[in-house]
């Protein structure tokens, strides 16, 4: 690719990211989790049991989620590197 095409692709990516913020489109962007929670609440579902342990705060919950994601990415990266190393370039 040439330098011009790279610049155009970068500008296009920036425009795609900035457009929704600049246009200030109306709407509620609650996400899928909020929509699923509302849909489940409408059905009258009652949980069968309570969790064995709940994190003391949202920050701890986020930390545990980030650690889980980092561990998974590390294992995946190691396995892919190992397979590529055994196969040879």
PDB file of N, CA and C in Angstrom:
ATOM      1  N   UNK A   1       0.842  -1.172   0.000  1.00  0.00           N
ATOM      2  CA  UNK A   1       0.000   0.000   0.000  1.00  0.00           C
ATOM      3  C   UNK A   1       0.892   1.241   0.000  1.00  0.00           C
ATOM      4  N   UNK A   2       0.393   2.234  -0.601  1.00  0.00           N
ATOM      5  CA  UNK A   2       1.158   3.472  -0.654  1.00  0.00           C
ATOM      6  C   UNK A   2       0.849   4.336   0.558  1.00  0.00           C
ATOM      7  N   UNK A   3       1.652   5.352   0.704  1.00  0.00           N
ATOM      8  CA  UNK A   3       1.464   6.247   1.842  1.00  0.00           C
ATOM      9  C   UNK A   3       0.130   6.980   1.754  1.00  0.00           C
ATOM     10  N   UNK A   4      -0.278   7.317   0.532  1.00  0.00           N
ATOM     11  CA  UNK A   4      -1.549   8.021   0.339  1.00  0.00           C
ATOM     12  C   UNK A   4      -2.726   7.144   0.760  1.00  0.00           C
ATOM     13  N   UNK A   5      -2.696   5.869   0.383  1.00  0.00           N
ATOM     14  CA  UNK A   5      -3.813   4.990   0.742  1.00  0.00           C
ATOM     15  C   UNK A   5      -3.849   4.747   2.256  1.00  0.00           C
ATOM     16  N   UNK A   6      -2.676   4.664   2.890  1.00  0.00           N
ATOM     17  CA  UNK A   6      -2.652   4.516   4.352  1.00  0.00           C
ATOM     18  C   UNK A   6      -3.242   5.741   5.026  1.00  0.00           C
ATOM     19  N   UNK A   7      -2.920   6.913   4.515  1.00  0.00           N
ATOM     20  CA  UNK A   7      -3.449   8.155   5.082  1.00  0.00           C
ATOM     21  C   UNK A   7      -4.961   8.209   4.901  1.00  0.00           C
ATOM     22  N   UNK A   8      -5.437   7.806   3.736  1.00  0.00           N
ATOM     23  CA  UNK A   8      -6.882   7.806   3.484  1.00  0.00           C
ATOM     24  C   UNK A   8      -7.601   6.815   4.400  1.00  0.00           C
ATOM     25  N   UNK A   9      -7.024   5.632   4.601  1.00  0.00           N
ATOM     26  CA  UNK A   9      -7.644   4.650   5.488  1.00  0.00           C
ATOM     27  C   UNK A   9      -7.666   5.143   6.933  1.00  0.00           C
ATOM     28  N   UNK A  10      -6.605   5.789   7.363  1.00  0.00           N
ATOM     29  CA  UNK A  10      -6.565   6.342   8.711  1.00  0.00           C
ATOM     30  C   UNK A  10      -7.608   7.445   8.885  1.00  0.00           C
ATOM     31  N   UNK A  11      -7.745   8.313   7.877  1.00  0.00           N
ATOM     32  CA  UNK A  11      -8.744   9.377   7.931  1.00  0.00           C
ATOM     33  C   UNK A  11     -10.159   8.795   7.952  1.00  0.00           C
ATOM     34  N   UNK A  12     -10.394   7.748   7.175  1.00  0.00           N
ATOM     35  CA  UNK A  12     -11.703   7.097   7.150  1.00  0.00           C
ATOM     36  C   UNK A  12     -12.025   6.476   8.512  1.00  0.00           C
ATOM     37  N   UNK A  13     -11.041   5.823   9.132  1.00  0.00           N
ATOM     38  CA  UNK A  13     -11.259   5.231  10.455  1.00  0.00           C
ATOM     39  C   UNK A  13     -11.575   6.317  11.482  1.00  0.00           C
ATOM     40  N   UNK A  14     -10.857   7.432  11.418  1.00  0.00           N
ATOM     41  CA  UNK A  14     -11.116   8.531  12.348  1.00  0.00           C
ATOM     42  C   UNK A  14     -12.509   9.116  12.129  1.00  0.00           C
ATOM     43  N   UNK A  15     -12.933   9.223  10.868  1.00  0.00           N
ATOM     44  CA  UNK A  15     -14.261   9.758  10.574  1.00  0.00           C
ATOM     45  C   UNK A  15     -15.358   8.825  11.085  1.00  0.00           C
ATOM     46  N   UNK A  16     -15.154   7.526  10.946  1.00  0.00           N
ATOM     47  CA  UNK A  16     -16.145   6.561  11.422  1.00  0.00           C
ATOM     48  C   UNK A  16     -16.274   6.644  12.943  1.00  0.00           C
ATOM     49  N   UNK A  17     -15.168   6.836  13.627  1.00  0.00           N
ATOM     50  CA  UNK A  17     -15.200   6.929  15.090  1.00  0.00           C
ATOM     51  C   UNK A  17     -15.808   8.252  15.547  1.00  0.00           C
ATOM     52  N   UNK A  18     -15.462   9.345  14.866  1.00  0.00           N
ATOM     53  CA  UNK A  18     -15.888  10.671  15.312  1.00  0.00           C
ATOM     54  C   UNK A  18     -17.318  11.027  14.898  1.00  0.00           C
ATOM     55  N   UNK A  19     -17.813  10.436  13.833  1.00  0.00           N
ATOM     56  CA  UNK A  19     -19.124  10.826  13.297  1.00  0.00           C
ATOM     57  C   UNK A  19     -20.252  10.725  14.329  1.00  0.00           C
ATOM     58  N   UNK A  20     -20.413   9.616  15.042  1.00  0.00           N
ATOM     59  CA  UNK A  20     -21.517   9.551  16.009  1.00  0.00           C
ATOM     60  C   UNK A  20     -21.408  10.593  17.112  1.00  0.00           C
ATOM     61  N   UNK A  21     -20.184  10.903  17.515  1.00  0.00           N
ATOM     62  CA  UNK A  21     -20.013  11.900  18.580  1.00  0.00           C
ATOM     63  C   UNK A  21     -20.333  13.306  18.075  1.00  0.00           C
ATOM     64  N   UNK A  22     -19.947  13.597  16.841  1.00  0.00           N
ATOM     65  CA  UNK A  22     -20.162  14.931  16.296  1.00  0.00           C
ATOM     66  C   UNK A  22     -21.617  15.170  15.895  1.00  0.00           C
ATOM     67  N   UNK A  23     -22.278  14.114  15.410  1.00  0.00           N
ATOM     68  CA  UNK A  23     -23.664  14.255  14.960  1.00  0.00           C
ATOM     69  C   UNK A  23     -24.660  14.276  16.115  1.00  0.00           C
ATOM     70  N   UNK A  24     -24.260  13.779  17.270  1.00  0.00           N
ATOM     71  CA  UNK A  24     -25.110  13.724  18.461  1.00  0.00           C
ATOM     72  C   UNK A  24     -26.487  13.137  18.131  1.00  0.00           C
ATOM     73  N   UNK A  25     -26.441  11.935  17.602  1.00  0.00           N
ATOM     74  CA  UNK A  25     -27.670  11.256  17.222  1.00  0.00           C
ATOM     75  C   UNK A  25     -28.503  10.938  18.452  1.00  0.00           C
ATOM     76  N   UNK A  26     -29.837  11.114  18.358  1.00  0.00           N
ATOM     77  CA  UNK A  26     -30.682  10.794  19.514  1.00  0.00           C
ATOM     78  C   UNK A  26     -30.771   9.287  19.701  1.00  0.00           C
ATOM     79  N   UNK A  27     -31.015   8.887  20.894  1.00  0.00           N
ATOM     80  CA  UNK A  27     -31.190   7.467  21.153  1.00  0.00           C
ATOM     81  C   UNK A  27     -30.581   7.078  22.470  1.00  0.00           C
ATOM     82  N   UNK A  28     -31.045   5.962  22.970  1.00  0.00           N
ATOM     83  CA  UNK A  28     -30.538   5.427  24.219  1.00  0.00           C
ATOM     84  C   UNK A  28     -29.614   4.268  23.880  1.00  0.00           C
ATOM     85  N   UNK A  29     -28.360   4.408  24.245  1.00  0.00           N
ATOM     86  CA  UNK A  29     -27.382   3.366  23.977  1.00  0.00           C
ATOM     87  C   UNK A  29     -27.035   2.658  25.274  1.00  0.00           C
ATOM     88  N   UNK A  30     -27.999   1.930  25.805  1.00  0.00           N
ATOM     89  CA  UNK A  30     -27.813   1.239  27.073  1.00  0.00           C
ATOM     90  C   UNK A  30     -26.993  -0.022  26.944  1.00  0.00           C
ATOM     91  N   UNK A  31     -26.887  -0.561  25.769  1.00  0.00           N
ATOM     92  CA  UNK A  31     -26.113  -1.771  25.568  1.00  0.00           C
ATOM     93  C   UNK A  31     -26.958  -3.024  25.689  1.00  0.00           C
ATOM     94  N   UNK A  32     -26.345  -4.144  25.353  1.00  0.00           N
ATOM     95  CA  UNK A  32     -27.041  -5.420  25.346  1.00  0.00           C
ATOM     96  C   UNK A  32     -27.321  -5.921  26.761  1.00  0.00           C
ATOM     97  N   UNK A  33     -26.426  -5.642  27.694  1.00  0.00           N
ATOM     98  CA  UNK A  33     -26.640  -6.120  29.063  1.00  0.00           C
ATOM     99  C   UNK A  33     -27.893  -5.517  29.678  1.00  0.00           C
ATOM    100  N   UNK A  34     -28.077  -4.215  29.486  1.00  0.00           N
ATOM    101  CA  UNK A  34     -29.267  -3.554  30.024  1.00  0.00           C
ATOM    102  C   UNK A  34     -30.541  -4.059  29.370  1.00  0.00           C
ATOM    103  N   UNK A  35     -30.492  -4.270  28.046  1.00  0.00           N
ATOM    104  CA  UNK A  35     -31.672  -4.776  27.334  1.00  0.00           C
ATOM    105  C   UNK A  35     -32.012  -6.194  27.782  1.00  0.00           C
ATOM    106  N   UNK A  36     -30.991  -7.029  27.987  1.00  0.00           N
ATOM    107  CA  UNK A  36     -31.231  -8.398  28.437  1.00  0.00           C
ATOM    108  C   UNK A  36     -31.794  -8.411  29.855  1.00  0.00           C
ATOM    109  N   UNK A  37     -31.281  -7.553  30.708  1.00  0.00           N
ATOM    110  CA  UNK A  37     -31.779  -7.478  32.087  1.00  0.00           C
ATOM    111  C   UNK A  37     -33.253  -7.076  32.101  1.00  0.00           C
ATOM    112  N   UNK A  38     -33.603  -6.102  31.268  1.00  0.00           N
ATOM    113  CA  UNK A  38     -35.000  -5.666  31.192  1.00  0.00           C
ATOM    114  C   UNK A  38     -35.895  -6.775  30.645  1.00  0.00           C
ATOM    115  N   UNK A  39     -35.429  -7.490  29.627  1.00  0.00           N
ATOM    116  CA  UNK A  39     -36.220  -8.570  29.034  1.00  0.00           C
ATOM    117  C   UNK A  39     -36.442  -9.696  30.041  1.00  0.00           C
ATOM    118  N   UNK A  40     -35.424 -10.017  30.817  1.00  0.00           N
ATOM    119  CA  UNK A  40     -35.559 -11.070  31.831  1.00  0.00           C
ATOM    120  C   UNK A  40     -36.512 -10.626  32.933  1.00  0.00           C
ATOM    121  N   UNK A  41     -36.435  -9.359  33.322  1.00  0.00           N
ATOM    122  CA  UNK A  41     -37.323  -8.845  34.374  1.00  0.00           C
ATOM    123  C   UNK A  41     -38.785  -8.900  33.930  1.00  0.00           C
ATOM    124  N   UNK A  42     -39.046  -8.697  32.654  1.00  0.00           N
ATOM    125  CA  UNK A  42     -40.427  -8.741  32.140  1.00  0.00           C
ATOM    126  C   UNK A  42     -41.027 -10.133  32.218  1.00  0.00           C
ATOM    127  N   UNK A  43     -40.201 -11.179  32.155  1.00  0.00           N
ATOM    128  CA  UNK A  43     -40.716 -12.547  32.177  1.00  0.00           C
ATOM    129  C   UNK A  43     -41.075 -13.008  33.580  1.00  0.00           C
ATOM    130  N   UNK A  44     -40.601 -12.299  34.612  1.00  0.00           N
ATOM    131  CA  UNK A  44     -40.880 -12.702  35.979  1.00  0.00           C
ATOM    132  C   UNK A  44     -39.963 -13.809  36.471  1.00  0.00           C
ATOM    133  N   UNK A  45     -38.822 -13.977  35.843  1.00  0.00           N
ATOM    134  CA  UNK A  45     -37.870 -15.028  36.211  1.00  0.00           C
ATOM    135  C   UNK A  45     -37.345 -14.811  37.619  1.00  0.00           C
ATOM    136  N   UNK A  46     -37.276 -15.875  38.389  1.00  0.00           N
ATOM    137  CA  UNK A  46     -36.691 -15.858  39.727  1.00  0.00           C
ATOM    138  C   UNK A  46     -35.463 -16.760  39.723  1.00  0.00           C
ATOM    139  N   UNK A  47     -34.310 -16.260  40.191  1.00  0.00           N
ATOM    140  CA  UNK A  47     -33.106 -17.099  40.214  1.00  0.00           C
ATOM    141  C   UNK A  47     -33.281 -18.316  41.119  1.00  0.00           C
ATOM    142  N   UNK A  48     -32.642 -19.404  40.776  1.00  0.00           N
ATOM    143  CA  UNK A  48     -32.734 -20.627  41.554  1.00  0.00           C
ATOM    144  C   UNK A  48     -31.857 -20.587  42.790  1.00  0.00           C
ATOM    145  N   UNK A  49     -30.745 -19.857  42.719  1.00  0.00           N
ATOM    146  CA  UNK A  49     -29.820 -19.802  43.856  1.00  0.00           C
ATOM    147  C   UNK A  49     -29.067 -18.488  43.819  1.00  0.00           C
ATOM    148  N   UNK A  50     -28.390 -18.209  44.907  1.00  0.00           N
ATOM    149  CA  UNK A  50     -27.580 -16.985  45.027  1.00  0.00           C
ATOM    150  C   UNK A  50     -26.121 -17.342  44.774  1.00  0.00           C
ATOM    151  N   UNK A  51     -25.319 -16.382  44.314  1.00  0.00           N
ATOM    152  CA  UNK A  51     -23.894 -16.667  44.116  1.00  0.00           C
ATOM    153  C   UNK A  51     -23.223 -17.026  45.446  1.00  0.00           C
ATOM    154  N   UNK A  52     -22.173 -17.859  45.362  1.00  0.00           N
ATOM    155  CA  UNK A  52     -21.449 -18.236  46.573  1.00  0.00           C
ATOM    156  C   UNK A  52     -20.676 -17.051  47.141  1.00  0.00           C
ATOM    157  N   UNK A  53     -20.157 -16.180  46.262  1.00  0.00           N
ATOM    158  CA  UNK A  53     -19.378 -15.016  46.698  1.00  0.00           C
ATOM    159  C   UNK A  53     -19.614 -13.889  45.711  1.00  0.00           C
ATOM    160  N   UNK A  54     -19.808 -12.712  46.209  1.00  0.00           N
ATOM    161  CA  UNK A  54     -19.950 -11.527  45.366  1.00  0.00           C
ATOM    162  C   UNK A  54     -18.810 -10.569  45.685  1.00  0.00           C
ATOM    163  N   UNK A  55     -18.199  -9.968  44.671  1.00  0.00           N
ATOM    164  CA  UNK A  55     -17.126  -9.008  44.938  1.00  0.00           C
ATOM    165  C   UNK A  55     -17.645  -7.853  45.782  1.00  0.00           C
ATOM    166  N   UNK A  56     -16.803  -7.320  46.681  1.00  0.00           N
ATOM    167  CA  UNK A  56     -17.260  -6.257  47.573  1.00  0.00           C
ATOM    168  C   UNK A  56     -17.579  -4.946  46.867  1.00  0.00           C
ATOM    169  N   UNK A  57     -17.023  -4.727  45.683  1.00  0.00           N
ATOM    170  CA  UNK A  57     -17.306  -3.474  44.978  1.00  0.00           C
ATOM    171  C   UNK A  57     -17.181  -3.693  43.476  1.00  0.00           C
ATOM    172  N   UNK A  58     -17.663  -2.714  42.732  1.00  0.00           N
ATOM    173  CA  UNK A  58     -17.569  -2.781  41.278  1.00  0.00           C
ATOM    174  C   UNK A  58     -16.145  -2.733  40.785  1.00  0.00           C
ATOM    175  N   UNK A  59     -15.270  -2.038  41.537  1.00  0.00           N
ATOM    176  CA  UNK A  59     -13.867  -1.955  41.131  1.00  0.00           C
ATOM    177  C   UNK A  59     -13.190  -3.316  41.219  1.00  0.00           C
ATOM    178  N   UNK A  60     -13.496  -4.063  42.266  1.00  0.00           N
ATOM    179  CA  UNK A  60     -12.916  -5.406  42.421  1.00  0.00           C
ATOM    180  C   UNK A  60     -13.438  -6.315  41.322  1.00  0.00           C
ATOM    181  N   UNK A  61     -14.711  -6.185  41.007  1.00  0.00           N
ATOM    182  CA  UNK A  61     -15.296  -6.987  39.936  1.00  0.00           C
ATOM    183  C   UNK A  61     -14.617  -6.682  38.609  1.00  0.00           C
ATOM    184  N   UNK A  62     -14.369  -5.401  38.325  1.00  0.00           N
ATOM    185  CA  UNK A  62     -13.671  -5.020  37.097  1.00  0.00           C
ATOM    186  C   UNK A  62     -12.247  -5.536  37.086  1.00  0.00           C
ATOM    187  N   UNK A  63     -11.575  -5.482  38.242  1.00  0.00           N
ATOM    188  CA  UNK A  63     -10.211  -5.994  38.344  1.00  0.00           C
ATOM    189  C   UNK A  63     -10.164  -7.485  38.036  1.00  0.00           C
ATOM    190  N   UNK A  64     -11.077  -8.249  38.612  1.00  0.00           N
ATOM    191  CA  UNK A  64     -11.104  -9.689  38.368  1.00  0.00           C
ATOM    192  C   UNK A  64     -11.393  -9.999  36.903  1.00  0.00           C
ATOM    193  N   UNK A  65     -12.285  -9.226  36.291  1.00  0.00           N
ATOM    194  CA  UNK A  65     -12.586  -9.427  34.879  1.00  0.00           C
ATOM    195  C   UNK A  65     -11.364  -9.122  34.025  1.00  0.00           C
ATOM    196  N   UNK A  66     -10.641  -8.034  34.344  1.00  0.00           N
ATOM    197  CA  UNK A  66      -9.441  -7.676  33.587  1.00  0.00           C
ATOM    198  C   UNK A  66      -8.349  -8.732  33.759  1.00  0.00           C
ATOM    199  N   UNK A  67      -8.192  -9.255  34.969  1.00  0.00           N
ATOM    200  CA  UNK A  67      -7.208 -10.315  35.192  1.00  0.00           C
ATOM    201  C   UNK A  67      -7.556 -11.574  34.406  1.00  0.00           C
ATOM    202  N   UNK A  68      -8.827 -11.903  34.367  1.00  0.00           N
ATOM    203  CA  UNK A  68      -9.273 -13.063  33.604  1.00  0.00           C
ATOM    204  C   UNK A  68      -8.982 -12.870  32.122  1.00  0.00           C
ATOM    205  N   UNK A  69      -9.261 -11.686  31.597  1.00  0.00           N
ATOM    206  CA  UNK A  69      -9.001 -11.404  30.183  1.00  0.00           C
ATOM    207  C   UNK A  69      -7.506 -11.439  29.889  1.00  0.00           C
ATOM    208  N   UNK A  70      -6.679 -10.894  30.778  1.00  0.00           N
ATOM    209  CA  UNK A  70      -5.237 -10.893  30.575  1.00  0.00           C
ATOM    210  C   UNK A  70      -4.679 -12.309  30.606  1.00  0.00           C
ATOM    211  N   UNK A  71      -5.149 -13.120  31.522  1.00  0.00           N
ATOM    212  CA  UNK A  71      -4.695 -14.506  31.597  1.00  0.00           C
ATOM    213  C   UNK A  71      -5.079 -15.264  30.327  1.00  0.00           C
ATOM    214  N   UNK A  72      -6.301 -15.087  29.877  1.00  0.00           N
ATOM    215  CA  UNK A  72      -6.739 -15.748  28.647  1.00  0.00           C
ATOM    216  C   UNK A  72      -5.936 -15.299  27.437  1.00  0.00           C
ATOM    217  N   UNK A  73      -5.654 -13.999  27.341  1.00  0.00           N
ATOM    218  CA  UNK A  73      -4.859 -13.494  26.223  1.00  0.00           C
ATOM    219  C   UNK A  73      -3.436 -14.026  26.287  1.00  0.00           C
ATOM    220  N   UNK A  74      -2.878 -14.133  27.495  1.00  0.00           N
ATOM    221  CA  UNK A  74      -1.528 -14.680  27.638  1.00  0.00           C
ATOM    222  C   UNK A  74      -1.453 -16.133  27.218  1.00  0.00           C
ATOM    223  N   UNK A  75      -2.419 -16.929  27.632  1.00  0.00           N
ATOM    224  CA  UNK A  75      -2.443 -18.349  27.257  1.00  0.00           C
ATOM    225  C   UNK A  75      -2.618 -18.478  25.746  1.00  0.00           C
ATOM    226  N   UNK A  76      -3.539 -17.723  25.182  1.00  0.00           N
ATOM    227  CA  UNK A  76      -3.763 -17.782  23.735  1.00  0.00           C
ATOM    228  C   UNK A  76      -2.513 -17.364  22.967  1.00  0.00           C
ATOM    229  N   UNK A  77      -1.861 -16.280  23.395  1.00  0.00           N
ATOM    230  CA  UNK A  77      -0.642 -15.832  22.735  1.00  0.00           C
ATOM    231  C   UNK A  77       0.475 -16.851  22.836  1.00  0.00           C
ATOM    232  N   UNK A  78       0.612 -17.491  23.995  1.00  0.00           N
ATOM    233  CA  UNK A  78       1.639 -18.508  24.165  1.00  0.00           C
ATOM    234  C   UNK A  78       1.388 -19.685  23.228  1.00  0.00           C
ATOM    235  N   UNK A  79       0.157 -20.157  23.187  1.00  0.00           N
ATOM    236  CA  UNK A  79      -0.167 -21.314  22.345  1.00  0.00           C
ATOM    237  C   UNK A  79       0.059 -20.981  20.870  1.00  0.00           C
ATOM    238  N   UNK A  80      -0.400 -19.818  20.431  1.00  0.00           N
ATOM    239  CA  UNK A  80      -0.196 -19.458  19.028  1.00  0.00           C
ATOM    240  C   UNK A  80       1.289 -19.310  18.705  1.00  0.00           C
ATOM    241  N   UNK A  81       2.066 -18.726  19.606  1.00  0.00           N
ATOM    242  CA  UNK A  81       3.499 -18.605  19.393  1.00  0.00           C
ATOM    243  C   UNK A  81       4.192 -19.951  19.381  1.00  0.00           C
ATOM    244  N   UNK A  82       3.779 -20.837  20.259  1.00  0.00           N
ATOM    245  CA  UNK A  82       4.361 -22.161  20.313  1.00  0.00           C
ATOM    246  C   UNK A  82       4.089 -22.926  19.020  1.00  0.00           C
ATOM    247  N   UNK A  83       2.845 -22.882  18.552  1.00  0.00           N
ATOM    248  CA  UNK A  83       2.485 -23.587  17.321  1.00  0.00           C
ATOM    249  C   UNK A  83       3.249 -23.019  16.133  1.00  0.00           C
ATOM    250  N   UNK A  84       3.346 -21.711  16.061  1.00  0.00           N
ATOM    251  CA  UNK A  84       4.077 -21.093  14.954  1.00  0.00           C
ATOM    252  C   UNK A  84       5.573 -21.422  15.025  1.00  0.00           C
ATOM    253  N   UNK A  85       6.115 -21.454  16.242  1.00  0.00           N
ATOM    254  CA  UNK A  85       7.527 -21.793  16.405  1.00  0.00           C
ATOM    255  C   UNK A  85       7.825 -23.223  16.021  1.00  0.00           C
ATOM    256  N   UNK A  86       6.925 -24.131  16.322  1.00  0.00           N
ATOM    257  CA  UNK A  86       7.141 -25.539  15.943  1.00  0.00           C
ATOM    258  C   UNK A  86       7.013 -25.737  14.452  1.00  0.00           C
ATOM    259  N   UNK A  87       6.129 -24.962  13.831  1.00  0.00           N
ATOM    260  CA  UNK A  87       5.906 -25.099  12.398  1.00  0.00           C
ATOM    261  C   UNK A  87       7.071 -24.518  11.616  1.00  0.00           C
ATOM    262  N   UNK A  88       7.732 -23.537  12.195  1.00  0.00           N
ATOM    263  CA  UNK A  88       8.820 -22.871  11.505  1.00  0.00           C
ATOM    264  C   UNK A  88       8.274 -21.774  10.623  1.00  0.00           C
ATOM    265  N   UNK A  89       9.137 -20.861  10.251  1.00  0.00           N
ATOM    266  CA  UNK A  89       8.672 -19.748   9.420  1.00  0.00           C
ATOM    267  C   UNK A  89       8.476 -20.246   8.068  1.00  0.00           C
TER     268      UNK A  89
END
